[in-house]
């Protein structure tokens, strides 16, 4: 299982800024190891963020995204104390879901 995501969500005015650091190897499938064998592709494919059950972000990643990707986005309509849930699915169907309270 992957390490927990680090999620920070802060409200300023009516806009919530969410910052997410995801822990993932993000292998492209084109690199070779020391013995010359290709390292299999292993990368986050889909990311979804929700607030009160409503989707506020949907993204599709590929092998072109760096290891341990950082994502930042903004949305409106939240209040302090609400929860933001972020979930990713990778190309091997591994998943990770974490949440943060809006400060």
PDB file of N, CA and C in Angstrom:
ATOM      1  N   UNK A   1       0.840  -1.184   0.000  1.00  0.00           N
ATOM      2  CA  UNK A   1       0.000   0.000   0.000  1.00  0.00           C
ATOM      3  C   UNK A   1       0.883   1.243   0.000  1.00  0.00           C
ATOM      4  N   UNK A   2       0.440   2.243  -0.704  1.00  0.00           N
ATOM      5  CA  UNK A   2       1.189   3.491  -0.830  1.00  0.00           C
ATOM      6  C   UNK A   2       1.148   4.292   0.471  1.00  0.00           C
ATOM      7  N   UNK A   3       2.146   5.138   0.640  1.00  0.00           N
ATOM      8  CA  UNK A   3       2.174   6.032   1.794  1.00  0.00           C
ATOM      9  C   UNK A   3       1.019   7.014   1.699  1.00  0.00           C
ATOM     10  N   UNK A   4       0.567   7.541   2.846  1.00  0.00           N
ATOM     11  CA  UNK A   4      -0.536   8.509   2.822  1.00  0.00           C
ATOM     12  C   UNK A   4      -0.171   9.765   2.026  1.00  0.00           C
ATOM     13  N   UNK A   5      -1.189  10.346   1.410  1.00  0.00           N
ATOM     14  CA  UNK A   5      -0.994  11.633   0.741  1.00  0.00           C
ATOM     15  C   UNK A   5      -0.926  12.716   1.805  1.00  0.00           C
ATOM     16  N   UNK A   6      -0.176  13.753   1.524  1.00  0.00           N
ATOM     17  CA  UNK A   6      -0.163  14.930   2.388  1.00  0.00           C
ATOM     18  C   UNK A   6      -1.096  15.937   1.736  1.00  0.00           C
ATOM     19  N   UNK A   7      -2.172  16.242   2.431  1.00  0.00           N
ATOM     20  CA  UNK A   7      -3.190  17.138   1.879  1.00  0.00           C
ATOM     21  C   UNK A   7      -3.367  18.322   2.820  1.00  0.00           C
ATOM     22  N   UNK A   8      -3.353  19.517   2.240  1.00  0.00           N
ATOM     23  CA  UNK A   8      -3.631  20.749   2.980  1.00  0.00           C
ATOM     24  C   UNK A   8      -4.738  21.472   2.232  1.00  0.00           C
ATOM     25  N   UNK A   9      -5.739  21.918   2.962  1.00  0.00           N
ATOM     26  CA  UNK A   9      -6.842  22.659   2.363  1.00  0.00           C
ATOM     27  C   UNK A   9      -7.087  23.895   3.211  1.00  0.00           C
ATOM     28  N   UNK A  10      -7.072  25.068   2.577  1.00  0.00           N
ATOM     29  CA  UNK A  10      -7.235  26.322   3.312  1.00  0.00           C
ATOM     30  C   UNK A  10      -8.244  27.214   2.600  1.00  0.00           C
ATOM     31  N   UNK A  11      -9.131  27.800   3.385  1.00  0.00           N
ATOM     32  CA  UNK A  11     -10.151  28.700   2.870  1.00  0.00           C
ATOM     33  C   UNK A  11      -9.664  30.134   2.988  1.00  0.00           C
ATOM     34  N   UNK A  12      -9.772  30.897   1.910  1.00  0.00           N
ATOM     35  CA  UNK A  12      -9.451  32.327   1.902  1.00  0.00           C
ATOM     36  C   UNK A  12     -10.566  33.026   1.143  1.00  0.00           C
ATOM     37  N   UNK A  13     -11.374  33.796   1.853  1.00  0.00           N
ATOM     38  CA  UNK A  13     -12.549  34.394   1.228  1.00  0.00           C
ATOM     39  C   UNK A  13     -13.550  33.302   0.916  1.00  0.00           C
ATOM     40  N   UNK A  14     -13.934  33.193  -0.345  1.00  0.00           N
ATOM     41  CA  UNK A  14     -14.862  32.113  -0.719  1.00  0.00           C
ATOM     42  C   UNK A  14     -14.149  31.024  -1.529  1.00  0.00           C
ATOM     43  N   UNK A  15     -12.816  31.081  -1.595  1.00  0.00           N
ATOM     44  CA  UNK A  15     -12.036  30.150  -2.413  1.00  0.00           C
ATOM     45  C   UNK A  15     -11.192  29.222  -1.531  1.00  0.00           C
ATOM     46  N   UNK A  16     -11.278  27.938  -1.799  1.00  0.00           N
ATOM     47  CA  UNK A  16     -10.489  26.951  -1.071  1.00  0.00           C
ATOM     48  C   UNK A  16      -9.329  26.498  -1.948  1.00  0.00           C
ATOM     49  N   UNK A  17      -8.124  26.559  -1.394  1.00  0.00           N
ATOM     50  CA  UNK A  17      -6.939  26.075  -2.094  1.00  0.00           C
ATOM     51  C   UNK A  17      -6.545  24.741  -1.483  1.00  0.00           C
ATOM     52  N   UNK A  18      -6.402  23.744  -2.334  1.00  0.00           N
ATOM     53  CA  UNK A  18      -6.026  22.395  -1.897  1.00  0.00           C
ATOM     54  C   UNK A  18      -4.657  22.080  -2.486  1.00  0.00           C
ATOM     55  N   UNK A  19      -3.759  21.588  -1.645  1.00  0.00           N
ATOM     56  CA  UNK A  19      -2.428  21.162  -2.088  1.00  0.00           C
ATOM     57  C   UNK A  19      -2.254  19.700  -1.686  1.00  0.00           C
ATOM     58  N   UNK A  20      -1.832  18.888  -2.646  1.00  0.00           N
ATOM     59  CA  UNK A  20      -1.723  17.439  -2.412  1.00  0.00           C
ATOM     60  C   UNK A  20      -0.344  16.958  -2.857  1.00  0.00           C
ATOM     61  N   UNK A  21       0.345  16.238  -1.989  1.00  0.00           N
ATOM     62  CA  UNK A  21       1.590  15.566  -2.342  1.00  0.00           C
ATOM     63  C   UNK A  21       1.316  14.071  -2.280  1.00  0.00           C
ATOM     64  N   UNK A  22       1.389  13.420  -3.449  1.00  0.00           N
ATOM     65  CA  UNK A  22       1.105  11.989  -3.553  1.00  0.00           C
ATOM     66  C   UNK A  22       2.411  11.215  -3.572  1.00  0.00           C
ATOM     67  N   UNK A  23       2.475  10.142  -2.845  1.00  0.00           N
ATOM     68  CA  UNK A  23       3.662   9.300  -2.805  1.00  0.00           C
ATOM     69  C   UNK A  23       3.466   8.138  -3.781  1.00  0.00           C
ATOM     70  N   UNK A  24       4.235   8.154  -4.892  1.00  0.00           N
ATOM     71  CA  UNK A  24       4.093   7.101  -5.898  1.00  0.00           C
ATOM     72  C   UNK A  24       5.350   7.062  -6.766  1.00  0.00           C
ATOM     73  N   UNK A  25       5.749   5.870  -7.217  1.00  0.00           N
ATOM     74  CA  UNK A  25       6.986   5.711  -7.998  1.00  0.00           C
ATOM     75  C   UNK A  25       6.894   6.323  -9.389  1.00  0.00           C
ATOM     76  N   UNK A  26       5.711   6.323 -10.007  1.00  0.00           N
ATOM     77  CA  UNK A  26       5.480   6.934 -11.324  1.00  0.00           C
ATOM     78  C   UNK A  26       6.509   6.474 -12.371  1.00  0.00           C
ATOM     79  N   UNK A  27       6.611   5.173 -12.562  1.00  0.00           N
ATOM     80  CA  UNK A  27       7.513   4.611 -13.582  1.00  0.00           C
ATOM     81  C   UNK A  27       6.869   4.705 -14.959  1.00  0.00           C
ATOM     82  N   UNK A  28       7.629   5.140 -15.945  1.00  0.00           N
ATOM     83  CA  UNK A  28       7.116   5.350 -17.301  1.00  0.00           C
ATOM     84  C   UNK A  28       6.996   4.070 -18.117  1.00  0.00           C
ATOM     85  N   UNK A  29       7.796   3.081 -17.777  1.00  0.00           N
ATOM     86  CA  UNK A  29       7.829   1.851 -18.569  1.00  0.00           C
ATOM     87  C   UNK A  29       8.879   1.901 -19.664  1.00  0.00           C
ATOM     88  N   UNK A  30       9.686   2.963 -19.684  1.00  0.00           N
ATOM     89  CA  UNK A  30      10.729   3.097 -20.705  1.00  0.00           C
ATOM     90  C   UNK A  30      12.136   3.057 -20.121  1.00  0.00           C
ATOM     91  N   UNK A  31      12.248   3.202 -18.797  1.00  0.00           N
ATOM     92  CA  UNK A  31      13.582   3.151 -18.170  1.00  0.00           C
ATOM     93  C   UNK A  31      14.054   1.710 -18.050  1.00  0.00           C
ATOM     94  N   UNK A  32      15.368   1.563 -17.973  1.00  0.00           N
ATOM     95  CA  UNK A  32      15.972   0.233 -17.798  1.00  0.00           C
ATOM     96  C   UNK A  32      16.704   0.187 -16.469  1.00  0.00           C
ATOM     97  N   UNK A  33      16.743  -1.015 -15.862  1.00  0.00           N
ATOM     98  CA  UNK A  33      17.473  -1.185 -14.607  1.00  0.00           C
ATOM     99  C   UNK A  33      18.954  -1.433 -14.909  1.00  0.00           C
ATOM    100  N   UNK A  34      19.737  -1.697 -13.879  1.00  0.00           N
ATOM    101  CA  UNK A  34      21.190  -1.862 -14.036  1.00  0.00           C
ATOM    102  C   UNK A  34      21.554  -3.020 -14.959  1.00  0.00           C
ATOM    103  N   UNK A  35      20.705  -4.034 -15.042  1.00  0.00           N
ATOM    104  CA  UNK A  35      21.004  -5.178 -15.910  1.00  0.00           C
ATOM    105  C   UNK A  35      20.406  -5.019 -17.318  1.00  0.00           C
ATOM    106  N   UNK A  36      19.849  -3.848 -17.611  1.00  0.00           N
ATOM    107  CA  UNK A  36      19.354  -3.574 -18.953  1.00  0.00           C
ATOM    108  C   UNK A  36      17.919  -3.991 -19.221  1.00  0.00           C
ATOM    109  N   UNK A  37      17.221  -4.498 -18.202  1.00  0.00           N
ATOM    110  CA  UNK A  37      15.820  -4.897 -18.367  1.00  0.00           C
ATOM    111  C   UNK A  37      14.909  -3.689 -18.187  1.00  0.00           C
ATOM    112  N   UNK A  38      13.854  -3.629 -18.979  1.00  0.00           N
ATOM    113  CA  UNK A  38      12.898  -2.530 -18.869  1.00  0.00           C
ATOM    114  C   UNK A  38      12.112  -2.632 -17.567  1.00  0.00           C
ATOM    115  N   UNK A  39      12.016  -1.510 -16.866  1.00  0.00           N
ATOM    116  CA  UNK A  39      11.224  -1.442 -15.638  1.00  0.00           C
ATOM    117  C   UNK A  39       9.762  -1.257 -16.056  1.00  0.00           C
ATOM    118  N   UNK A  40       8.857  -2.130 -15.599  1.00  0.00           N
ATOM    119  CA  UNK A  40       7.456  -2.038 -16.018  1.00  0.00           C
ATOM    120  C   UNK A  40       6.808  -0.706 -15.634  1.00  0.00           C
ATOM    121  N   UNK A  41       5.887  -0.255 -16.461  1.00  0.00           N
ATOM    122  CA  UNK A  41       5.151   0.983 -16.178  1.00  0.00           C
ATOM    123  C   UNK A  41       4.331   0.827 -14.911  1.00  0.00           C
ATOM    124  N   UNK A  42       4.333   1.864 -14.082  1.00  0.00           N
ATOM    125  CA  UNK A  42       3.546   1.896 -12.855  1.00  0.00           C
ATOM    126  C   UNK A  42       3.337   3.362 -12.504  1.00  0.00           C
ATOM    127  N   UNK A  43       2.154   3.885 -12.829  1.00  0.00           N
ATOM    128  CA  UNK A  43       1.905   5.312 -12.629  1.00  0.00           C
ATOM    129  C   UNK A  43       0.448   5.559 -12.264  1.00  0.00           C
ATOM    130  N   UNK A  44       0.204   6.690 -11.603  1.00  0.00           N
ATOM    131  CA  UNK A  44      -1.157   7.105 -11.273  1.00  0.00           C
ATOM    132  C   UNK A  44      -1.876   7.436 -12.573  1.00  0.00           C
ATOM    133  N   UNK A  45      -3.075   6.917 -12.700  1.00  0.00           N
ATOM    134  CA  UNK A  45      -3.864   7.112 -13.919  1.00  0.00           C
ATOM    135  C   UNK A  45      -4.982   8.133 -13.706  1.00  0.00           C
ATOM    136  N   UNK A  46      -5.750   7.985 -12.641  1.00  0.00           N
ATOM    137  CA  UNK A  46      -6.902   8.851 -12.392  1.00  0.00           C
ATOM    138  C   UNK A  46      -6.827   9.448 -10.986  1.00  0.00           C
ATOM    139  N   UNK A  47      -7.179  10.726 -10.895  1.00  0.00           N
ATOM    140  CA  UNK A  47      -7.246  11.426  -9.614  1.00  0.00           C
ATOM    141  C   UNK A  47      -8.607  12.097  -9.531  1.00  0.00           C
ATOM    142  N   UNK A  48      -9.247  11.973  -8.368  1.00  0.00           N
ATOM    143  CA  UNK A  48     -10.530  12.642  -8.157  1.00  0.00           C
ATOM    144  C   UNK A  48     -10.554  13.245  -6.759  1.00  0.00           C
ATOM    145  N   UNK A  49     -11.019  14.482  -6.674  1.00  0.00           N
ATOM    146  CA  UNK A  49     -11.181  15.152  -5.382  1.00  0.00           C
ATOM    147  C   UNK A  49     -12.650  15.504  -5.212  1.00  0.00           C
ATOM    148  N   UNK A  50     -13.166  15.265  -4.008  1.00  0.00           N
ATOM    149  CA  UNK A  50     -14.559  15.583  -3.728  1.00  0.00           C
ATOM    150  C   UNK A  50     -14.671  16.434  -2.475  1.00  0.00           C
ATOM    151  N   UNK A  51     -15.730  17.225  -2.440  1.00  0.00           N
ATOM    152  CA  UNK A  51     -16.078  18.042  -1.277  1.00  0.00           C
ATOM    153  C   UNK A  51     -17.555  17.805  -1.016  1.00  0.00           C
ATOM    154  N   UNK A  52     -17.885  17.295   0.150  1.00  0.00           N
ATOM    155  CA  UNK A  52     -19.278  16.955   0.497  1.00  0.00           C
ATOM    156  C   UNK A  52     -19.928  16.065  -0.561  1.00  0.00           C
ATOM    157  N   UNK A  53     -19.159  15.107  -1.094  1.00  0.00           N
ATOM    158  CA  UNK A  53     -19.679  14.152  -2.058  1.00  0.00           C
ATOM    159  C   UNK A  53     -19.751  14.666  -3.488  1.00  0.00           C
ATOM    160  N   UNK A  54     -19.425  15.940  -3.688  1.00  0.00           N
ATOM    161  CA  UNK A  54     -19.466  16.540  -5.031  1.00  0.00           C
ATOM    162  C   UNK A  54     -18.054  16.608  -5.597  1.00  0.00           C
ATOM    163  N   UNK A  55     -17.887  16.158  -6.833  1.00  0.00           N
ATOM    164  CA  UNK A  55     -16.573  16.183  -7.466  1.00  0.00           C
ATOM    165  C   UNK A  55     -16.164  17.622  -7.755  1.00  0.00           C
ATOM    166  N   UNK A  56     -14.972  18.001  -7.269  1.00  0.00           N
ATOM    167  CA  UNK A  56     -14.439  19.342  -7.523  1.00  0.00           C
ATOM    168  C   UNK A  56     -13.211  19.297  -8.433  1.00  0.00           C
ATOM    169  N   UNK A  57     -12.661  18.093  -8.656  1.00  0.00           N
ATOM    170  CA  UNK A  57     -11.525  17.930  -9.561  1.00  0.00           C
ATOM    171  C   UNK A  57     -11.499  16.500 -10.077  1.00  0.00           C
ATOM    172  N   UNK A  58     -11.279  16.364 -11.379  1.00  0.00           N
ATOM    173  CA  UNK A  58     -11.015  15.069 -12.004  1.00  0.00           C
ATOM    174  C   UNK A  58      -9.819  15.278 -12.909  1.00  0.00           C
ATOM    175  N   UNK A  59      -8.823  14.395 -12.799  1.00  0.00           N
ATOM    176  CA  UNK A  59      -7.624  14.524 -13.623  1.00  0.00           C
ATOM    177  C   UNK A  59      -7.179  13.151 -14.090  1.00  0.00           C
ATOM    178  N   UNK A  60      -6.552  13.131 -15.261  1.00  0.00           N
ATOM    179  CA  UNK A  60      -5.968  11.916 -15.802  1.00  0.00           C
ATOM    180  C   UNK A  60      -4.469  12.150 -15.927  1.00  0.00           C
ATOM    181  N   UNK A  61      -3.674  11.302 -15.282  1.00  0.00           N
ATOM    182  CA  UNK A  61      -2.219  11.392 -15.346  1.00  0.00           C
ATOM    183  C   UNK A  61      -1.700  10.333 -16.319  1.00  0.00           C
ATOM    184  N   UNK A  62      -0.421  10.414 -16.607  1.00  0.00           N
ATOM    185  CA  UNK A  62       0.244   9.411 -17.441  1.00  0.00           C
ATOM    186  C   UNK A  62       1.641   9.172 -16.877  1.00  0.00           C
ATOM    187  N   UNK A  63       2.409   8.360 -17.558  1.00  0.00           N
ATOM    188  CA  UNK A  63       3.778   8.093 -17.137  1.00  0.00           C
ATOM    189  C   UNK A  63       4.678   9.304 -17.250  1.00  0.00           C
ATOM    190  N   UNK A  64       4.202  10.371 -17.873  1.00  0.00           N
ATOM    191  CA  UNK A  64       5.013  11.582 -18.049  1.00  0.00           C
ATOM    192  C   UNK A  64       5.038  12.459 -16.801  1.00  0.00           C
ATOM    193  N   UNK A  65       4.281  12.097 -15.773  1.00  0.00           N
ATOM    194  CA  UNK A  65       4.249  12.867 -14.530  1.00  0.00           C
ATOM    195  C   UNK A  65       5.359  12.354 -13.612  1.00  0.00           C
ATOM    196  N   UNK A  66       6.037  13.280 -12.934  1.00  0.00           N
ATOM    197  CA  UNK A  66       7.195  12.920 -12.108  1.00  0.00           C
ATOM    198  C   UNK A  66       6.814  12.082 -10.887  1.00  0.00           C
ATOM    199  N   UNK A  67       7.829  11.459 -10.322  1.00  0.00           N
ATOM    200  CA  UNK A  67       7.673  10.670  -9.099  1.00  0.00           C
ATOM    201  C   UNK A  67       7.156  11.578  -7.987  1.00  0.00           C
ATOM    202  N   UNK A  68       6.297  11.045  -7.111  1.00  0.00           N
ATOM    203  CA  UNK A  68       5.709  11.781  -6.003  1.00  0.00           C
ATOM    204  C   UNK A  68       5.086  13.094  -6.472  1.00  0.00           C
ATOM    205  N   UNK A  69       4.065  13.012  -7.330  1.00  0.00           N
ATOM    206  CA  UNK A  69       3.489  14.228  -7.910  1.00  0.00           C
ATOM    207  C   UNK A  69       2.860  15.166  -6.885  1.00  0.00           C
ATOM    208  N   UNK A  70       2.963  16.459  -7.178  1.00  0.00           N
ATOM    209  CA  UNK A  70       2.343  17.518  -6.386  1.00  0.00           C
ATOM    210  C   UNK A  70       1.222  18.116  -7.218  1.00  0.00           C
ATOM    211  N   UNK A  71       0.072  18.323  -6.603  1.00  0.00           N
ATOM    212  CA  UNK A  71      -1.091  18.860  -7.296  1.00  0.00           C
ATOM    213  C   UNK A  71      -1.684  19.971  -6.438  1.00  0.00           C
ATOM    214  N   UNK A  72      -2.022  21.083  -7.062  1.00  0.00           N
ATOM    215  CA  UNK A  72      -2.674  22.190  -6.375  1.00  0.00           C
ATOM    216  C   UNK A  72      -3.859  22.638  -7.210  1.00  0.00           C
ATOM    217  N   UNK A  73      -4.995  22.886  -6.547  1.00  0.00           N
ATOM    218  CA  UNK A  73      -6.184  23.358  -7.256  1.00  0.00           C
ATOM    219  C   UNK A  73      -7.042  24.176  -6.301  1.00  0.00           C
ATOM    220  N   UNK A  74      -7.987  24.924  -6.872  1.00  0.00           N
ATOM    221  CA  UNK A  74      -8.886  25.774  -6.092  1.00  0.00           C
ATOM    222  C   UNK A  74     -10.329  25.489  -6.482  1.00  0.00           C
ATOM    223  N   UNK A  75     -11.229  25.693  -5.515  1.00  0.00           N
ATOM    224  CA  UNK A  75     -12.653  25.594  -5.799  1.00  0.00           C
ATOM    225  C   UNK A  75     -13.408  26.497  -4.822  1.00  0.00           C
ATOM    226  N   UNK A  76     -14.667  26.762  -5.105  1.00  0.00           N
ATOM    227  CA  UNK A  76     -15.490  27.606  -4.248  1.00  0.00           C
ATOM    228  C   UNK A  76     -16.627  26.799  -3.641  1.00  0.00           C
ATOM    229  N   UNK A  77     -17.253  27.364  -2.613  1.00  0.00           N
ATOM    230  CA  UNK A  77     -18.430  26.742  -2.015  1.00  0.00           C
ATOM    231  C   UNK A  77     -18.160  25.922  -0.772  1.00  0.00           C
ATOM    232  N   UNK A  78     -16.984  26.010  -0.210  1.00  0.00           N
ATOM    233  CA  UNK A  78     -16.658  25.233   0.990  1.00  0.00           C
ATOM    234  C   UNK A  78     -16.692  26.132   2.227  1.00  0.00           C
ATOM    235  N   UNK A  79     -16.662  25.490   3.382  1.00  0.00           N
ATOM    236  CA  UNK A  79     -16.602  26.198   4.663  1.00  0.00           C
ATOM    237  C   UNK A  79     -15.516  25.557   5.515  1.00  0.00           C
ATOM    238  N   UNK A  80     -15.002  26.337   6.460  1.00  0.00           N
ATOM    239  CA  UNK A  80     -14.008  25.780   7.384  1.00  0.00           C
ATOM    240  C   UNK A  80     -14.621  24.601   8.120  1.00  0.00           C
ATOM    241  N   UNK A  81     -13.831  23.541   8.270  1.00  0.00           N
ATOM    242  CA  UNK A  81     -14.307  22.333   8.938  1.00  0.00           C
ATOM    243  C   UNK A  81     -14.850  21.277   7.985  1.00  0.00           C
ATOM    244  N   UNK A  82     -15.158  21.667   6.741  1.00  0.00           N
ATOM    245  CA  UNK A  82     -15.584  20.687   5.736  1.00  0.00           C
ATOM    246  C   UNK A  82     -14.413  19.775   5.384  1.00  0.00           C
ATOM    247  N   UNK A  83     -14.718  18.630   4.807  1.00  0.00           N
ATOM    248  CA  UNK A  83     -13.672  17.688   4.400  1.00  0.00           C
ATOM    249  C   UNK A  83     -13.508  17.671   2.885  1.00  0.00           C
ATOM    250  N   UNK A  84     -12.258  17.507   2.474  1.00  0.00           N
ATOM    251  CA  UNK A  84     -11.914  17.284   1.072  1.00  0.00           C
ATOM    252  C   UNK A  84     -11.313  15.887   0.997  1.00  0.00           C
ATOM    253  N   UNK A  85     -11.815  15.058   0.087  1.00  0.00           N
ATOM    254  CA  UNK A  85     -11.330  13.689  -0.082  1.00  0.00           C
ATOM    255  C   UNK A  85     -10.643  13.587  -1.443  1.00  0.00           C
ATOM    256  N   UNK A  86      -9.424  13.044  -1.444  1.00  0.00           N
ATOM    257  CA  UNK A  86      -8.670  12.856  -2.687  1.00  0.00           C
ATOM    258  C   UNK A  86      -8.412  11.359  -2.848  1.00  0.00           C
ATOM    259  N   UNK A  87      -8.684  10.864  -4.055  1.00  0.00           N
ATOM    260  CA  UNK A  87      -8.480   9.439  -4.354  1.00  0.00           C
ATOM    261  C   UNK A  87      -7.739   9.317  -5.675  1.00  0.00           C
ATOM    262  N   UNK A  88      -6.777   8.404  -5.728  1.00  0.00           N
ATOM    263  CA  UNK A  88      -6.133   8.091  -7.005  1.00  0.00           C
ATOM    264  C   UNK A  88      -6.202   6.602  -7.278  1.00  0.00           C
ATOM    265  N   UNK A  89      -6.130   6.264  -8.582  1.00  0.00           N
ATOM    266  CA  UNK A  89      -6.075   4.880  -9.057  1.00  0.00           C
ATOM    267  C   UNK A  89      -4.917   4.814 -10.035  1.00  0.00           C
ATOM    268  N   UNK A  90      -4.039   3.793  -9.892  1.00  0.00           N
ATOM    269  CA  UNK A  90      -2.923   3.701 -10.832  1.00  0.00           C
ATOM    270  C   UNK A  90      -3.191   2.642 -11.899  1.00  0.00           C
ATOM    271  N   UNK A  91      -2.238   2.480 -12.808  1.00  0.00           N
ATOM    272  CA  UNK A  91      -2.437   1.563 -13.937  1.00  0.00           C
ATOM    273  C   UNK A  91      -2.415   0.090 -13.524  1.00  0.00           C
ATOM    274  N   UNK A  92      -2.107  -0.206 -12.265  1.00  0.00           N
ATOM    275  CA  UNK A  92      -2.191  -1.580 -11.753  1.00  0.00           C
ATOM    276  C   UNK A  92      -3.422  -1.748 -10.861  1.00  0.00           C
ATOM    277  N   UNK A  93      -4.317  -0.752 -10.918  1.00  0.00           N
ATOM    278  CA  UNK A  93      -5.550  -0.704 -10.138  1.00  0.00           C
ATOM    279  C   UNK A  93      -5.334  -0.641  -8.632  1.00  0.00           C
ATOM    280  N   UNK A  94      -4.155  -0.233  -8.195  1.00  0.00           N
ATOM    281  CA  UNK A  94      -3.942   0.098  -6.788  1.00  0.00           C
ATOM    282  C   UNK A  94      -4.621   1.441  -6.553  1.00  0.00           C
ATOM    283  N   UNK A  95      -5.140   1.646  -5.341  1.00  0.00           N
ATOM    284  CA  UNK A  95      -5.815   2.904  -5.031  1.00  0.00           C
ATOM    285  C   UNK A  95      -5.312   3.464  -3.715  1.00  0.00           C
ATOM    286  N   UNK A  96      -5.549   4.730  -3.542  1.00  0.00           N
ATOM    287  CA  UNK A  96      -5.237   5.407  -2.285  1.00  0.00           C
ATOM    288  C   UNK A  96      -6.278   6.494  -2.100  1.00  0.00           C
ATOM    289  N   UNK A  97      -6.850   6.602  -0.911  1.00  0.00           N
ATOM    290  CA  UNK A  97      -7.817   7.642  -0.587  1.00  0.00           C
ATOM    291  C   UNK A  97      -7.427   8.267   0.746  1.00  0.00           C
ATOM    292  N   UNK A  98      -7.355   9.584   0.762  1.00  0.00           N
ATOM    293  CA  UNK A  98      -7.058  10.319   1.989  1.00  0.00           C
ATOM    294  C   UNK A  98      -7.925  11.566   2.028  1.00  0.00           C
ATOM    295  N   UNK A  99      -8.038  12.145   3.211  1.00  0.00           N
ATOM    296  CA  UNK A  99      -8.869  13.336   3.353  1.00  0.00           C
ATOM    297  C   UNK A  99      -8.203  14.369   4.253  1.00  0.00           C
ATOM    298  N   UNK A 100      -8.696  15.601   4.142  1.00  0.00           N
ATOM    299  CA  UNK A 100      -8.203  16.693   4.964  1.00  0.00           C
ATOM    300  C   UNK A 100      -9.383  17.579   5.333  1.00  0.00           C
ATOM    301  N   UNK A 101      -9.275  18.234   6.482  1.00  0.00           N
ATOM    302  CA  UNK A 101     -10.275  19.184   6.921  1.00  0.00           C
ATOM    303  C   UNK A 101      -9.839  20.566   6.465  1.00  0.00           C
ATOM    304  N   UNK A 102     -10.782  21.333   5.941  1.00  0.00           N
ATOM    305  CA  UNK A 102     -10.479  22.672   5.460  1.00  0.00           C
ATOM    306  C   UNK A 102     -10.253  23.602   6.639  1.00  0.00           C
ATOM    307  N   UNK A 103      -9.105  24.291   6.618  1.00  0.00           N
ATOM    308  CA  UNK A 103      -8.763  25.213   7.714  1.00  0.00           C
ATOM    309  C   UNK A 103      -9.035  26.638   7.301  1.00  0.00           C
TER     310      UNK A 103
END
